[in-house]
PDB file of N, CA and C in Angstrom:
ATOM      1  N   MET A   1     190.247 104.331 -58.721  1.00  0.00           N
ATOM      2  CA  MET A   1     190.312 102.903 -58.489  1.00  0.00           C
ATOM      3  C   MET A   1     189.854 102.586 -57.065  1.00  0.00           C
ATOM      4  N   ALA A   2     189.336 101.408 -56.895  1.00  0.00           N
ATOM      5  CA  ALA A   2     188.888 100.949 -55.597  1.00  0.00           C
ATOM      6  C   ALA A   2     190.094 100.705 -54.695  1.00  0.00           C
ATOM      7  N   THR A   3     189.886 100.927 -53.407  1.00  0.00           N
ATOM      8  CA  THR A   3     190.958 100.648 -52.471  1.00  0.00           C
ATOM      9  C   THR A   3     191.030  99.159 -52.243  1.00  0.00           C
ATOM     10  N   MET A   4     192.200  98.660 -51.929  1.00  0.00           N
ATOM     11  CA  MET A   4     192.405  97.232 -51.730  1.00  0.00           C
ATOM     12  C   MET A   4     192.190  96.889 -50.260  1.00  0.00           C
ATOM     13  N   GLN A   5     190.935  96.938 -49.804  1.00  0.00           N
ATOM     14  CA  GLN A   5     190.632  96.624 -48.425  1.00  0.00           C
ATOM     15  C   GLN A   5     189.692  95.440 -48.348  1.00  0.00           C
ATOM     16  N   ARG A   6     189.696  94.786 -47.211  1.00  0.00           N
ATOM     17  CA  ARG A   6     188.771  93.685 -47.002  1.00  0.00           C
ATOM     18  C   ARG A   6     187.397  94.263 -46.700  1.00  0.00           C
ATOM     19  N   VAL A   7     186.388  93.667 -47.272  1.00  0.00           N
ATOM     20  CA  VAL A   7     185.022  94.121 -47.085  1.00  0.00           C
ATOM     21  C   VAL A   7     184.277  93.048 -46.318  1.00  0.00           C
ATOM     22  N   SER A   8     183.581  93.447 -45.257  1.00  0.00           N
ATOM     23  CA  SER A   8     182.903  92.452 -44.432  1.00  0.00           C
ATOM     24  C   SER A   8     181.395  92.452 -44.638  1.00  0.00           C
ATOM     25  N   LEU A   9     180.898  93.158 -45.634  1.00  0.00           N
ATOM     26  CA  LEU A   9     179.472  93.144 -45.927  1.00  0.00           C
ATOM     27  C   LEU A   9     179.083  91.834 -46.596  1.00  0.00           C
ATOM     28  N   SER A  10     177.804  91.487 -46.491  1.00  0.00           N
ATOM     29  CA  SER A  10     177.325  90.319 -47.222  1.00  0.00           C
ATOM     30  C   SER A  10     177.438  90.617 -48.714  1.00  0.00           C
ATOM     31  N   PRO A  11     177.549  89.584 -49.559  1.00  0.00           N
ATOM     32  CA  PRO A  11     177.657  89.826 -50.998  1.00  0.00           C
ATOM     33  C   PRO A  11     176.519  90.678 -51.548  1.00  0.00           C
ATOM     34  N   LYS A  12     175.301  90.417 -51.089  1.00  0.00           N
ATOM     35  CA  LYS A  12     174.154  91.183 -51.585  1.00  0.00           C
ATOM     36  C   LYS A  12     174.263  92.651 -51.167  1.00  0.00           C
ATOM     37  N   LYS A  13     174.591  92.899 -49.894  1.00  0.00           N
ATOM     38  CA  LYS A  13     174.729  94.283 -49.430  1.00  0.00           C
ATOM     39  C   LYS A  13     175.886  94.983 -50.120  1.00  0.00           C
ATOM     40  N   LEU A  14     176.963  94.259 -50.336  1.00  0.00           N
ATOM     41  CA  LEU A  14     178.113  94.839 -51.017  1.00  0.00           C
ATOM     42  C   LEU A  14     177.705  95.346 -52.397  1.00  0.00           C
ATOM     43  N   LEU A  15     176.995  94.512 -53.141  1.00  0.00           N
ATOM     44  CA  LEU A  15     176.563  94.931 -54.470  1.00  0.00           C
ATOM     45  C   LEU A  15     175.592  96.095 -54.395  1.00  0.00           C
ATOM     46  N   LEU A  16     174.658  96.049 -53.461  1.00  0.00           N
ATOM     47  CA  LEU A  16     173.679  97.126 -53.353  1.00  0.00           C
ATOM     48  C   LEU A  16     174.333  98.451 -52.976  1.00  0.00           C
ATOM     49  N   THR A  17     175.330  98.411 -52.110  1.00  0.00           N
ATOM     50  CA  THR A  17     175.962  99.656 -51.686  1.00  0.00           C
ATOM     51  C   THR A  17     177.079 100.117 -52.610  1.00  0.00           C
ATOM     52  N   GLU A  18     177.717  99.188 -53.292  1.00  0.00           N
ATOM     53  CA  GLU A  18     178.899  99.541 -54.073  1.00  0.00           C
ATOM     54  C   GLU A  18     178.680  99.717 -55.570  1.00  0.00           C
ATOM     55  N   VAL A  19     177.653  99.140 -56.150  1.00  0.00           N
ATOM     56  CA  VAL A  19     177.523  99.241 -57.608  1.00  0.00           C
ATOM     57  C   VAL A  19     176.221  99.868 -58.087  1.00  0.00           C
ATOM     58  N   LEU A  20     175.373 100.306 -57.181  1.00  0.00           N
ATOM     59  CA  LEU A  20     174.132 100.949 -57.589  1.00  0.00           C
ATOM     60  C   LEU A  20     174.212 102.454 -57.422  1.00  0.00           C
ATOM     61  N   THR A  21     173.588 103.168 -58.338  1.00  0.00           N
ATOM     62  CA  THR A  21     173.421 104.610 -58.246  1.00  0.00           C
ATOM     63  C   THR A  21     171.984 104.907 -58.628  1.00  0.00           C
ATOM     64  N   GLY A  22     171.223 105.431 -57.701  1.00  0.00           N
ATOM     65  CA  GLY A  22     169.843 105.762 -57.996  1.00  0.00           C
ATOM     66  C   GLY A  22     169.019 104.576 -58.455  1.00  0.00           C
ATOM     67  N   GLY A  23     169.295 103.392 -57.916  1.00  0.00           N
ATOM     68  CA  GLY A  23     168.541 102.206 -58.275  1.00  0.00           C
ATOM     69  C   GLY A  23     168.985 101.527 -59.558  1.00  0.00           C
ATOM     70  N   ARG A  24     170.049 102.021 -60.173  1.00  0.00           N
ATOM     71  CA  ARG A  24     170.578 101.407 -61.400  1.00  0.00           C
ATOM     72  C   ARG A  24     172.010 100.947 -61.174  1.00  0.00           C
ATOM     73  N   TYR A  25     172.363  99.883 -61.883  1.00  0.00           N
ATOM     74  CA  TYR A  25     173.753  99.449 -61.844  1.00  0.00           C
ATOM     75  C   TYR A  25     174.604 100.508 -62.529  1.00  0.00           C
ATOM     76  N   ASP A  26     175.765 100.742 -61.960  1.00  0.00           N
ATOM     77  CA  ASP A  26     176.667 101.787 -62.438  1.00  0.00           C
ATOM     78  C   ASP A  26     177.953 101.131 -62.944  1.00  0.00           C
ATOM     79  N   ALA A  27     178.233 101.280 -64.229  1.00  0.00           N
ATOM     80  CA  ALA A  27     179.422 100.663 -64.832  1.00  0.00           C
ATOM     81  C   ALA A  27     180.702 101.146 -64.157  1.00  0.00           C
ATOM     82  N   ARG A  28     180.751 102.411 -63.816  1.00  0.00           N
ATOM     83  CA  ARG A  28     181.942 102.967 -63.169  1.00  0.00           C
ATOM     84  C   ARG A  28     182.168 102.324 -61.800  1.00  0.00           C
ATOM     85  N   LYS A  29     181.103 102.158 -61.042  1.00  0.00           N
ATOM     86  CA  LYS A  29     181.226 101.567 -59.706  1.00  0.00           C
ATOM     87  C   LYS A  29     181.558 100.077 -59.774  1.00  0.00           C
ATOM     88  N   LEU A  30     181.006  99.380 -60.750  1.00  0.00           N
ATOM     89  CA  LEU A  30     181.337  97.960 -60.918  1.00  0.00           C
ATOM     90  C   LEU A  30     182.810  97.806 -61.272  1.00  0.00           C
ATOM     91  N   ALA A  31     183.305  98.673 -62.145  1.00  0.00           N
ATOM     92  CA  ALA A  31     184.727  98.643 -62.500  1.00  0.00           C
ATOM     93  C   ALA A  31     185.585  98.891 -61.262  1.00  0.00           C
ATOM     94  N   ALA A  32     185.197  99.863 -60.454  1.00  0.00           N
ATOM     95  CA  ALA A  32     185.964 100.172 -59.241  1.00  0.00           C
ATOM     96  C   ALA A  32     185.947  99.006 -58.253  1.00  0.00           C
ATOM     97  N   LEU A  33     184.787  98.381 -58.084  1.00  0.00           N
ATOM     98  CA  LEU A  33     184.683  97.249 -57.164  1.00  0.00           C
ATOM     99  C   LEU A  33     185.629  96.122 -57.566  1.00  0.00           C
ATOM    100  N   LEU A  34     185.705  95.854 -58.875  1.00  0.00           N
ATOM    101  CA  LEU A  34     186.551  94.767 -59.368  1.00  0.00           C
ATOM    102  C   LEU A  34     187.994  95.188 -59.604  1.00  0.00           C
ATOM    103  N   ASP A  35     188.276  96.471 -59.424  1.00  0.00           N
ATOM    104  CA  ASP A  35     189.602  97.036 -59.679  1.00  0.00           C
ATOM    105  C   ASP A  35     189.972  96.885 -61.158  1.00  0.00           C
ATOM    106  N   TRP A  36     188.982  97.129 -62.021  1.00  0.00           N
ATOM    107  CA  TRP A  36     189.160  97.110 -63.467  1.00  0.00           C
ATOM    108  C   TRP A  36     189.174  98.540 -63.971  1.00  0.00           C
ATOM    109  N   ASN A  37     189.669  98.738 -65.167  1.00  0.00           N
ATOM    110  CA  ASN A  37     189.539 100.022 -65.835  1.00  0.00           C
ATOM    111  C   ASN A  37     188.119 100.116 -66.380  1.00  0.00           C
ATOM    112  N   LEU A  38     187.596 101.329 -66.461  1.00  0.00           N
ATOM    113  CA  LEU A  38     186.268 101.508 -67.045  1.00  0.00           C
ATOM    114  C   LEU A  38     186.251 101.026 -68.494  1.00  0.00           C
ATOM    115  N   ASP A  39     187.385 101.119 -69.163  1.00  0.00           N
ATOM    116  CA  ASP A  39     187.486 100.645 -70.541  1.00  0.00           C
ATOM    117  C   ASP A  39     187.189  99.144 -70.638  1.00  0.00           C
ATOM    118  N   ASP A  40     187.580  98.370 -69.628  1.00  0.00           N
ATOM    119  CA  ASP A  40     187.284  96.934 -69.617  1.00  0.00           C
ATOM    120  C   ASP A  40     185.775  96.700 -69.587  1.00  0.00           C
ATOM    121  N   VAL A  41     185.078  97.449 -68.752  1.00  0.00           N
ATOM    122  CA  VAL A  41     183.627  97.308 -68.655  1.00  0.00           C
ATOM    123  C   VAL A  41     182.969  97.812 -69.942  1.00  0.00           C
ATOM    124  N   ALA A  42     183.500  98.869 -70.527  1.00  0.00           N
ATOM    125  CA  ALA A  42     182.964  99.384 -71.792  1.00  0.00           C
ATOM    126  C   ALA A  42     183.073  98.323 -72.886  1.00  0.00           C
ATOM    127  N   HIS A  43     184.203  97.611 -72.930  1.00  0.00           N
ATOM    128  CA  HIS A  43     184.351  96.524 -73.908  1.00  0.00           C
ATOM    129  C   HIS A  43     183.317  95.436 -73.662  1.00  0.00           C
ATOM    130  N   TYR A  44     183.126  95.063 -72.408  1.00  0.00           N
ATOM    131  CA  TYR A  44     182.112  94.063 -72.064  1.00  0.00           C
ATOM    132  C   TYR A  44     180.733  94.514 -72.550  1.00  0.00           C
ATOM    133  N   LEU A  45     180.438  95.801 -72.383  1.00  0.00           N
ATOM    134  CA  LEU A  45     179.139  96.333 -72.795  1.00  0.00           C
ATOM    135  C   LEU A  45     179.030  96.544 -74.303  1.00  0.00           C
ATOM    136  N   GLY A  46     180.175  96.453 -74.991  1.00  0.00           N
ATOM    137  CA  GLY A  46     180.176  96.692 -76.426  1.00  0.00           C
ATOM    138  C   GLY A  46     179.974  98.155 -76.770  1.00  0.00           C
ATOM    139  N   ARG A  47     180.443  99.022 -75.897  1.00  0.00           N
ATOM    140  CA  ARG A  47     180.264 100.465 -76.061  1.00  0.00           C
ATOM    141  C   ARG A  47     181.599 101.176 -76.031  1.00  0.00           C
ATOM    142  N   ASP A  48     181.602 102.382 -76.521  1.00  0.00           N
ATOM    143  CA  ASP A  48     182.784 103.226 -76.505  1.00  0.00           C
ATOM    144  C   ASP A  48     183.028 103.734 -75.084  1.00  0.00           C
ATOM    145  N   LEU A  49     184.287 103.810 -74.696  1.00  0.00           N
ATOM    146  CA  LEU A  49     184.648 104.270 -73.350  1.00  0.00           C
ATOM    147  C   LEU A  49     184.047 105.640 -73.043  1.00  0.00           C
ATOM    148  N   SER A  50     184.116 106.563 -73.987  1.00  0.00           N
ATOM    149  CA  SER A  50     183.617 107.912 -73.711  1.00  0.00           C
ATOM    150  C   SER A  50     182.117 107.911 -73.435  1.00  0.00           C
ATOM    151  N   THR A  51     181.386 107.047 -74.110  1.00  0.00           N
ATOM    152  CA  THR A  51     179.946 106.952 -73.884  1.00  0.00           C
ATOM    153  C   THR A  51     179.651 106.373 -72.509  1.00  0.00           C
ATOM    154  N   VAL A  52     180.332 105.302 -72.159  1.00  0.00           N
ATOM    155  CA  VAL A  52     180.123 104.685 -70.843  1.00  0.00           C
ATOM    156  C   VAL A  52     180.576 105.632 -69.738  1.00  0.00           C
ATOM    157  N   SER A  53     181.633 106.367 -69.981  1.00  0.00           N
ATOM    158  CA  SER A  53     182.127 107.324 -68.994  1.00  0.00           C
ATOM    159  C   SER A  53     181.086 108.408 -68.702  1.00  0.00           C
ATOM    160  N   ARG A  54     180.424 108.881 -69.743  1.00  0.00           N
ATOM    161  CA  ARG A  54     179.419 109.943 -69.571  1.00  0.00           C
ATOM    162  C   ARG A  54     178.091 109.410 -69.037  1.00  0.00           C
ATOM    163  N   HIS A  55     177.745 108.191 -69.393  1.00  0.00           N
ATOM    164  CA  HIS A  55     176.427 107.637 -69.057  1.00  0.00           C
ATOM    165  C   HIS A  55     176.580 106.264 -68.404  1.00  0.00           C
ATOM    166  N   SER A  56     177.258 106.219 -67.273  1.00  0.00           N
ATOM    167  CA  SER A  56     177.609 104.932 -66.664  1.00  0.00           C
ATOM    168  C   SER A  56     176.413 104.170 -66.096  1.00  0.00           C
ATOM    169  N   THR A  57     175.268 104.823 -65.957  1.00  0.00           N
ATOM    170  CA  THR A  57     174.072 104.139 -65.449  1.00  0.00           C
ATOM    171  C   THR A  57     172.971 104.052 -66.510  1.00  0.00           C
ATOM    172  N   SER A  58     173.325 104.180 -67.768  1.00  0.00           N
ATOM    173  CA  SER A  58     172.338 104.156 -68.844  1.00  0.00           C
ATOM    174  C   SER A  58     171.448 102.921 -68.764  1.00  0.00           C
ATOM    175  N   ILE A  59     170.187 103.119 -69.047  1.00  0.00           N
ATOM    176  CA  ILE A  59     169.236 102.006 -69.067  1.00  0.00           C
ATOM    177  C   ILE A  59     169.663 100.941 -70.076  1.00  0.00           C
ATOM    178  N   LYS A  60     170.370 101.349 -71.106  1.00  0.00           N
ATOM    179  CA  LYS A  60     170.833 100.408 -72.134  1.00  0.00           C
ATOM    180  C   LYS A  60     171.798  99.370 -71.585  1.00  0.00           C
ATOM    181  N   TYR A  61     172.482  99.683 -70.504  1.00  0.00           N
ATOM    182  CA  TYR A  61     173.496  98.780 -69.942  1.00  0.00           C
ATOM    183  C   TYR A  61     172.959  97.900 -68.817  1.00  0.00           C
ATOM    184  N   GLN A  62     171.749  98.148 -68.358  1.00  0.00           N
ATOM    185  CA  GLN A  62     171.283  97.524 -67.125  1.00  0.00           C
ATOM    186  C   GLN A  62     171.224  96.001 -67.177  1.00  0.00           C
ATOM    187  N   ASP A  63     170.764  95.420 -68.260  1.00  0.00           N
ATOM    188  CA  ASP A  63     170.706  93.954 -68.328  1.00  0.00           C
ATOM    189  C   ASP A  63     172.102  93.338 -68.261  1.00  0.00           C
ATOM    190  N   ALA A  64     173.036  93.898 -69.017  1.00  0.00           N
ATOM    191  CA  ALA A  64     174.408  93.367 -69.021  1.00  0.00           C
ATOM    192  C   ALA A  64     175.087  93.595 -67.672  1.00  0.00           C
ATOM    193  N   LEU A  65     174.883  94.761 -67.070  1.00  0.00           N
ATOM    194  CA  LEU A  65     175.489  95.028 -65.760  1.00  0.00           C
ATOM    195  C   LEU A  65     174.857  94.147 -64.681  1.00  0.00           C
ATOM    196  N   ALA A  66     173.560  93.902 -64.781  1.00  0.00           N
ATOM    197  CA  ALA A  66     172.896  93.019 -63.811  1.00  0.00           C
ATOM    198  C   ALA A  66     173.440  91.596 -63.921  1.00  0.00           C
ATOM    199  N   ALA A  67     173.644  91.123 -65.151  1.00  0.00           N
ATOM    200  CA  ALA A  67     174.207  89.783 -65.345  1.00  0.00           C
ATOM    201  C   ALA A  67     175.598  89.695 -64.736  1.00  0.00           C
ATOM    202  N   MET A  68     176.394  90.731 -64.942  1.00  0.00           N
ATOM    203  CA  MET A  68     177.738  90.757 -64.364  1.00  0.00           C
ATOM    204  C   MET A  68     177.664  90.815 -62.840  1.00  0.00           C
ATOM    205  N   ALA A  69     176.730  91.597 -62.308  1.00  0.00           N
ATOM    206  CA  ALA A  69     176.579  91.696 -60.851  1.00  0.00           C
ATOM    207  C   ALA A  69     176.208  90.345 -60.248  1.00  0.00           C
ATOM    208  N   VAL A  70     175.391  89.571 -60.943  1.00  0.00           N
ATOM    209  CA  VAL A  70     175.018  88.236 -60.454  1.00  0.00           C
ATOM    210  C   VAL A  70     176.259  87.347 -60.363  1.00  0.00           C
ATOM    211  N   VAL A  71     177.087  87.368 -61.387  1.00  0.00           N
ATOM    212  CA  VAL A  71     178.312  86.559 -61.378  1.00  0.00           C
ATOM    213  C   VAL A  71     179.230  87.027 -60.248  1.00  0.00           C
ATOM    214  N   VAL A  72     179.378  88.332 -60.078  1.00  0.00           N
ATOM    215  CA  VAL A  72     180.223  88.850 -58.993  1.00  0.00           C
ATOM    216  C   VAL A  72     179.677  88.388 -57.652  1.00  0.00           C
ATOM    217  N   LYS A  73     178.367  88.479 -57.450  1.00  0.00           N
ATOM    218  CA  LYS A  73     177.768  88.042 -56.192  1.00  0.00           C
ATOM    219  C   LYS A  73     177.991  86.554 -55.952  1.00  0.00           C
ATOM    220  N   GLU A  74     177.845  85.747 -56.991  1.00  0.00           N
ATOM    221  CA  GLU A  74     178.041  84.308 -56.837  1.00  0.00           C
ATOM    222  C   GLU A  74     179.487  83.985 -56.465  1.00  0.00           C
ATOM    223  N   ILE A  75     180.428  84.670 -57.080  1.00  0.00           N
ATOM    224  CA  ILE A  75     181.843  84.451 -56.729  1.00  0.00           C
ATOM    225  C   ILE A  75     182.117  84.968 -55.318  1.00  0.00           C
ATOM    226  N   LEU A  76     181.519  86.096 -54.948  1.00  0.00           N
ATOM    227  CA  LEU A  76     181.650  86.585 -53.564  1.00  0.00           C
ATOM    228  C   LEU A  76     181.135  85.537 -52.582  1.00  0.00           C
ATOM    229  N   ASP A  77     179.991  84.943 -52.887  1.00  0.00           N
ATOM    230  CA  ASP A  77     179.431  83.889 -52.026  1.00  0.00           C
ATOM    231  C   ASP A  77     180.408  82.725 -51.898  1.00  0.00           C
ATOM    232  N   LEU A  78     180.940  82.278 -53.034  1.00  0.00           N
ATOM    233  CA  LEU A  78     181.845  81.121 -53.045  1.00  0.00           C
ATOM    234  C   LEU A  78     183.151  81.388 -52.304  1.00  0.00           C
ATOM    235  N   LEU A  79     183.593  82.648 -52.331  1.00  0.00           N
ATOM    236  CA  LEU A  79     184.890  82.990 -51.735  1.00  0.00           C
ATOM    237  C   LEU A  79     184.753  83.689 -50.379  1.00  0.00           C
ATOM    238  N   GLY A  80     183.616  83.512 -49.740  1.00  0.00           N
ATOM    239  CA  GLY A  80     183.448  84.026 -48.385  1.00  0.00           C
ATOM    240  C   GLY A  80     183.435  85.538 -48.284  1.00  0.00           C
ATOM    241  N   SER A  81     182.916  86.212 -49.286  1.00  0.00           N
ATOM    242  CA  SER A  81     182.776  87.676 -49.308  1.00  0.00           C
ATOM    243  C   SER A  81     184.105  88.423 -49.267  1.00  0.00           C
ATOM    244  N   ASP A  82     185.171  87.778 -49.682  1.00  0.00           N
ATOM    245  CA  ASP A  82     186.496  88.407 -49.695  1.00  0.00           C
ATOM    246  C   ASP A  82     186.720  89.063 -51.060  1.00  0.00           C
ATOM    247  N   ILE A  83     186.567  90.379 -51.120  1.00  0.00           N
ATOM    248  CA  ILE A  83     186.651  91.091 -52.389  1.00  0.00           C
ATOM    249  C   ILE A  83     188.042  90.978 -53.011  1.00  0.00           C
ATOM    250  N   ASP A  84     189.073  90.903 -52.204  1.00  0.00           N
ATOM    251  CA  ASP A  84     190.422  90.737 -52.758  1.00  0.00           C
ATOM    252  C   ASP A  84     190.546  89.401 -53.496  1.00  0.00           C
ATOM    253  N   MET A  85     189.955  88.352 -52.929  1.00  0.00           N
ATOM    254  CA  MET A  85     189.973  87.044 -53.585  1.00  0.00           C
ATOM    255  C   MET A  85     189.143  87.066 -54.864  1.00  0.00           C
ATOM    256  N   VAL A  86     188.045  87.793 -54.853  1.00  0.00           N
ATOM    257  CA  VAL A  86     187.206  87.911 -56.054  1.00  0.00           C
ATOM    258  C   VAL A  86     187.989  88.600 -57.169  1.00  0.00           C
ATOM    259  N   ARG A  87     188.668  89.675 -56.824  1.00  0.00           N
ATOM    260  CA  ARG A  87     189.482  90.380 -57.818  1.00  0.00           C
ATOM    261  C   ARG A  87     190.550  89.453 -58.386  1.00  0.00           C
ATOM    262  N   ALA A  88     191.177  88.680 -57.520  1.00  0.00           N
ATOM    263  CA  ALA A  88     192.204  87.731 -57.969  1.00  0.00           C
ATOM    264  C   ALA A  88     191.586  86.652 -58.849  1.00  0.00           C
ATOM    265  N   TRP A  89     190.405  86.155 -58.483  1.00  0.00           N
ATOM    266  CA  TRP A  89     189.746  85.112 -59.268  1.00  0.00           C
ATOM    267  C   TRP A  89     189.506  85.592 -60.702  1.00  0.00           C
ATOM    268  N   PHE A  90     189.012  86.805 -60.851  1.00  0.00           N
ATOM    269  CA  PHE A  90     188.744  87.333 -62.191  1.00  0.00           C
ATOM    270  C   PHE A  90     190.016  87.495 -63.018  1.00  0.00           C
ATOM    271  N   ARG A  91     191.159  87.715 -62.366  1.00  0.00           N
ATOM    272  CA  ARG A  91     192.418  87.936 -63.080  1.00  0.00           C
ATOM    273  C   ARG A  91     193.223  86.662 -63.346  1.00  0.00           C
ATOM    274  N   THR A  92     192.900  85.598 -62.644  1.00  0.00           N
ATOM    275  CA  THR A  92     193.699  84.377 -62.703  1.00  0.00           C
ATOM    276  C   THR A  92     193.255  83.481 -63.862  1.00  0.00           C
ATOM    277  N   PRO A  93     194.204  83.061 -64.700  1.00  0.00           N
ATOM    278  CA  PRO A  93     193.838  82.122 -65.772  1.00  0.00           C
ATOM    279  C   PRO A  93     193.283  80.822 -65.176  1.00  0.00           C
ATOM    280  N   ILE A  94     192.209  80.339 -65.776  1.00  0.00           N
ATOM    281  CA  ILE A  94     191.559  79.104 -65.341  1.00  0.00           C
ATOM    282  C   ILE A  94     191.664  78.108 -66.485  1.00  0.00           C
ATOM    283  N   HIS A  95     192.229  76.952 -66.179  1.00  0.00           N
ATOM    284  CA  HIS A  95     192.497  75.950 -67.214  1.00  0.00           C
ATOM    285  C   HIS A  95     191.261  75.630 -68.053  1.00  0.00           C
ATOM    286  N   ALA A  96     190.112  75.458 -67.413  1.00  0.00           N
ATOM    287  CA  ALA A  96     188.889  75.108 -68.145  1.00  0.00           C
ATOM    288  C   ALA A  96     188.474  76.200 -69.137  1.00  0.00           C
ATOM    289  N   LEU A  97     188.866  77.435 -68.860  1.00  0.00           N
ATOM    290  CA  LEU A  97     188.519  78.555 -69.750  1.00  0.00           C
ATOM    291  C   LEU A  97     189.634  78.897 -70.732  1.00  0.00           C
ATOM    292  N   GLU A  98     190.830  78.407 -70.454  1.00  0.00           N
ATOM    293  CA  GLU A  98     192.023  78.717 -71.250  1.00  0.00           C
ATOM    294  C   GLU A  98     192.349  80.207 -71.252  1.00  0.00           C
ATOM    295  N   ALA A  99     191.903  80.901 -70.214  1.00  0.00           N
ATOM    296  CA  ALA A  99     192.154  82.335 -70.055  1.00  0.00           C
ATOM    297  C   ALA A  99     191.630  82.735 -68.681  1.00  0.00           C
ATOM    298  N   SER A 100     191.828  83.983 -68.333  1.00  0.00           N
ATOM    299  CA  SER A 100     191.232  84.470 -67.092  1.00  0.00           C
ATOM    300  C   SER A 100     189.787  84.875 -67.363  1.00  0.00           C
ATOM    301  N   PRO A 101     188.929  84.809 -66.353  1.00  0.00           N
ATOM    302  CA  PRO A 101     187.552  85.258 -66.548  1.00  0.00           C
ATOM    303  C   PRO A 101     187.482  86.697 -67.058  1.00  0.00           C
ATOM    304  N   LYS A 102     188.333  87.554 -66.537  1.00  0.00           N
ATOM    305  CA  LYS A 102     188.329  88.951 -66.988  1.00  0.00           C
ATOM    306  C   LYS A 102     188.630  89.045 -68.481  1.00  0.00           C
ATOM    307  N   GLU A 103     189.642  88.329 -68.937  1.00  0.00           N
ATOM    308  CA  GLU A 103     189.987  88.364 -70.367  1.00  0.00           C
ATOM    309  C   GLU A 103     188.795  87.963 -71.226  1.00  0.00           C
ATOM    310  N   LEU A 104     188.127  86.881 -70.843  1.00  0.00           N
ATOM    311  CA  LEU A 104     186.991  86.406 -71.624  1.00  0.00           C
ATOM    312  C   LEU A 104     185.837  87.406 -71.610  1.00  0.00           C
ATOM    313  N   ILE A 105     185.577  87.974 -70.456  1.00  0.00           N
ATOM    314  CA  ILE A 105     184.492  88.956 -70.353  1.00  0.00           C
ATOM    315  C   ILE A 105     184.775  90.156 -71.243  1.00  0.00           C
ATOM    316  N   VAL A 106     185.985  90.670 -71.176  1.00  0.00           N
ATOM    317  CA  VAL A 106     186.355  91.834 -71.979  1.00  0.00           C
ATOM    318  C   VAL A 106     186.304  91.504 -73.474  1.00  0.00           C
ATOM    319  N   GLU A 107     186.611  90.256 -73.832  1.00  0.00           N
ATOM    320  CA  GLU A 107     186.584  89.824 -75.237  1.00  0.00           C
ATOM    321  C   GLU A 107     185.185  89.459 -75.723  1.00  0.00           C
ATOM    322  N   GLY A 108     184.180  89.622 -74.867  1.00  0.00           N
ATOM    323  CA  GLY A 108     182.811  89.341 -75.288  1.00  0.00           C
ATOM    324  C   GLY A 108     182.358  87.918 -75.074  1.00  0.00           C
ATOM    325  N   GLN A 109     183.067  87.158 -74.244  1.00  0.00           N
ATOM    326  CA  GLN A 109     182.711  85.761 -73.997  1.00  0.00           C
ATOM    327  C   GLN A 109     182.190  85.560 -72.571  1.00  0.00           C
ATOM    328  N   PHE A 110     181.338  86.475 -72.155  1.00  0.00           N
ATOM    329  CA  PHE A 110     180.770  86.434 -70.818  1.00  0.00           C
ATOM    330  C   PHE A 110     180.047  85.111 -70.538  1.00  0.00           C
ATOM    331  N   ALA A 111     179.362  84.577 -71.529  1.00  0.00           N
ATOM    332  CA  ALA A 111     178.587  83.344 -71.341  1.00  0.00           C
ATOM    333  C   ALA A 111     179.460  82.182 -70.858  1.00  0.00           C
ATOM    334  N   ARG A 112     180.700  82.120 -71.299  1.00  0.00           N
ATOM    335  CA  ARG A 112     181.591  81.039 -70.851  1.00  0.00           C
ATOM    336  C   ARG A 112     181.894  81.163 -69.357  1.00  0.00           C
ATOM    337  N   VAL A 113     182.114  82.386 -68.912  1.00  0.00           N
ATOM    338  CA  VAL A 113     182.395  82.625 -67.490  1.00  0.00           C
ATOM    339  C   VAL A 113     181.137  82.332 -66.675  1.00  0.00           C
ATOM    340  N   GLU A 114     180.012  82.792 -67.153  1.00  0.00           N
ATOM    341  CA  GLU A 114     178.739  82.560 -66.479  1.00  0.00           C
ATOM    342  C   GLU A 114     178.461  81.056 -66.344  1.00  0.00           C
ATOM    343  N   ALA A 115     178.750  80.298 -67.382  1.00  0.00           N
ATOM    344  CA  ALA A 115     178.549  78.845 -67.355  1.00  0.00           C
ATOM    345  C   ALA A 115     179.461  78.176 -66.332  1.00  0.00           C
ATOM    346  N   LEU A 116     180.713  78.628 -66.264  1.00  0.00           N
ATOM    347  CA  LEU A 116     181.640  78.065 -65.288  1.00  0.00           C
ATOM    348  C   LEU A 116     181.166  78.337 -63.863  1.00  0.00           C
ATOM    349  N   VAL A 117     180.703  79.541 -63.608  1.00  0.00           N
ATOM    350  CA  VAL A 117     180.212  79.887 -62.272  1.00  0.00           C
ATOM    351  C   VAL A 117     178.994  79.031 -61.934  1.00  0.00           C
ATOM    352  N   SER A 118     178.132  78.786 -62.890  1.00  0.00           N
ATOM    353  CA  SER A 118     176.974  77.913 -62.666  1.00  0.00           C
ATOM    354  C   SER A 118     177.426  76.494 -62.323  1.00  0.00           C
ATOM    355  N   GLU A 119     178.464  76.017 -63.007  1.00  0.00           N
ATOM    356  CA  GLU A 119     179.007  74.694 -62.694  1.00  0.00           C
ATOM    357  C   GLU A 119     179.571  74.647 -61.283  1.00  0.00           C
ATOM    358  N   TYR A 120     180.287  75.703 -60.890  1.00  0.00           N
ATOM    359  CA  TYR A 120     180.801  75.773 -59.519  1.00  0.00           C
ATOM    360  C   TYR A 120     179.655  75.628 -58.532  1.00  0.00           C
ATOM    361  N   GLU A 121     178.607  76.398 -58.742  1.00  0.00           N
ATOM    362  CA  GLU A 121     177.478  76.390 -57.816  1.00  0.00           C
ATOM    363  C   GLU A 121     176.779  75.037 -57.783  1.00  0.00           C
ATOM    364  N   SER A 122     176.580  74.439 -58.940  1.00  0.00           N
ATOM    365  CA  SER A 122     175.880  73.154 -58.956  1.00  0.00           C
ATOM    366  C   SER A 122     176.714  72.052 -58.306  1.00  0.00           C
ATOM    367  N   SER A 123     178.015  72.120 -58.429  1.00  0.00           N
ATOM    368  CA  SER A 123     178.853  71.097 -57.802  1.00  0.00           C
ATOM    369  C   SER A 123     178.879  71.271 -56.288  1.00  0.00           C
ATOM    370  N   LEU A 124     178.688  72.489 -55.793  1.00  0.00           N
ATOM    371  CA  LEU A 124     178.649  72.725 -54.350  1.00  0.00           C
ATOM    372  C   LEU A 124     177.307  72.354 -53.762  1.00  0.00           C
ATOM    373  N   ALA A 125     176.297  72.229 -54.581  1.00  0.00           N
ATOM    374  CA  ALA A 125     174.953  71.897 -54.095  1.00  0.00           C
ATOM    375  C   ALA A 125     174.845  70.435 -53.688  1.00  0.00           C
ATOM    376  N   PHE A 126     175.767  69.605 -54.138  1.00  0.00           N
ATOM    377  CA  PHE A 126     175.681  68.172 -53.831  1.00  0.00           C
ATOM    378  C   PHE A 126     176.198  67.869 -52.462  1.00  0.00           C
TER     379      PHE A 126
END
């Protein structure tokens, strides 16, 4: 599991240093960054835990992991690069979603979380 420390890197650098392995997104590292179990990320990917555990950087997962990395980066941007706050945001139930973002992502409803993050960003642009 990831340590619960404050990270002072920019959101982009944080993602590049913390979730990439050999130029590919790594499911294991993304889980560690968010303080999730690898099983949670495996559910998001629609794959068996043992498969994701053995092949955490598979090319098959790259589009889904990249989409998740974008959402993580956007939340990092919104929350001032505070990884502890990002972890809390993913775990906290949000009234508009009727669940926590993590719950929805694990249940296969990533698009709802992605849409909410887009709304956050567009409302801050005004």
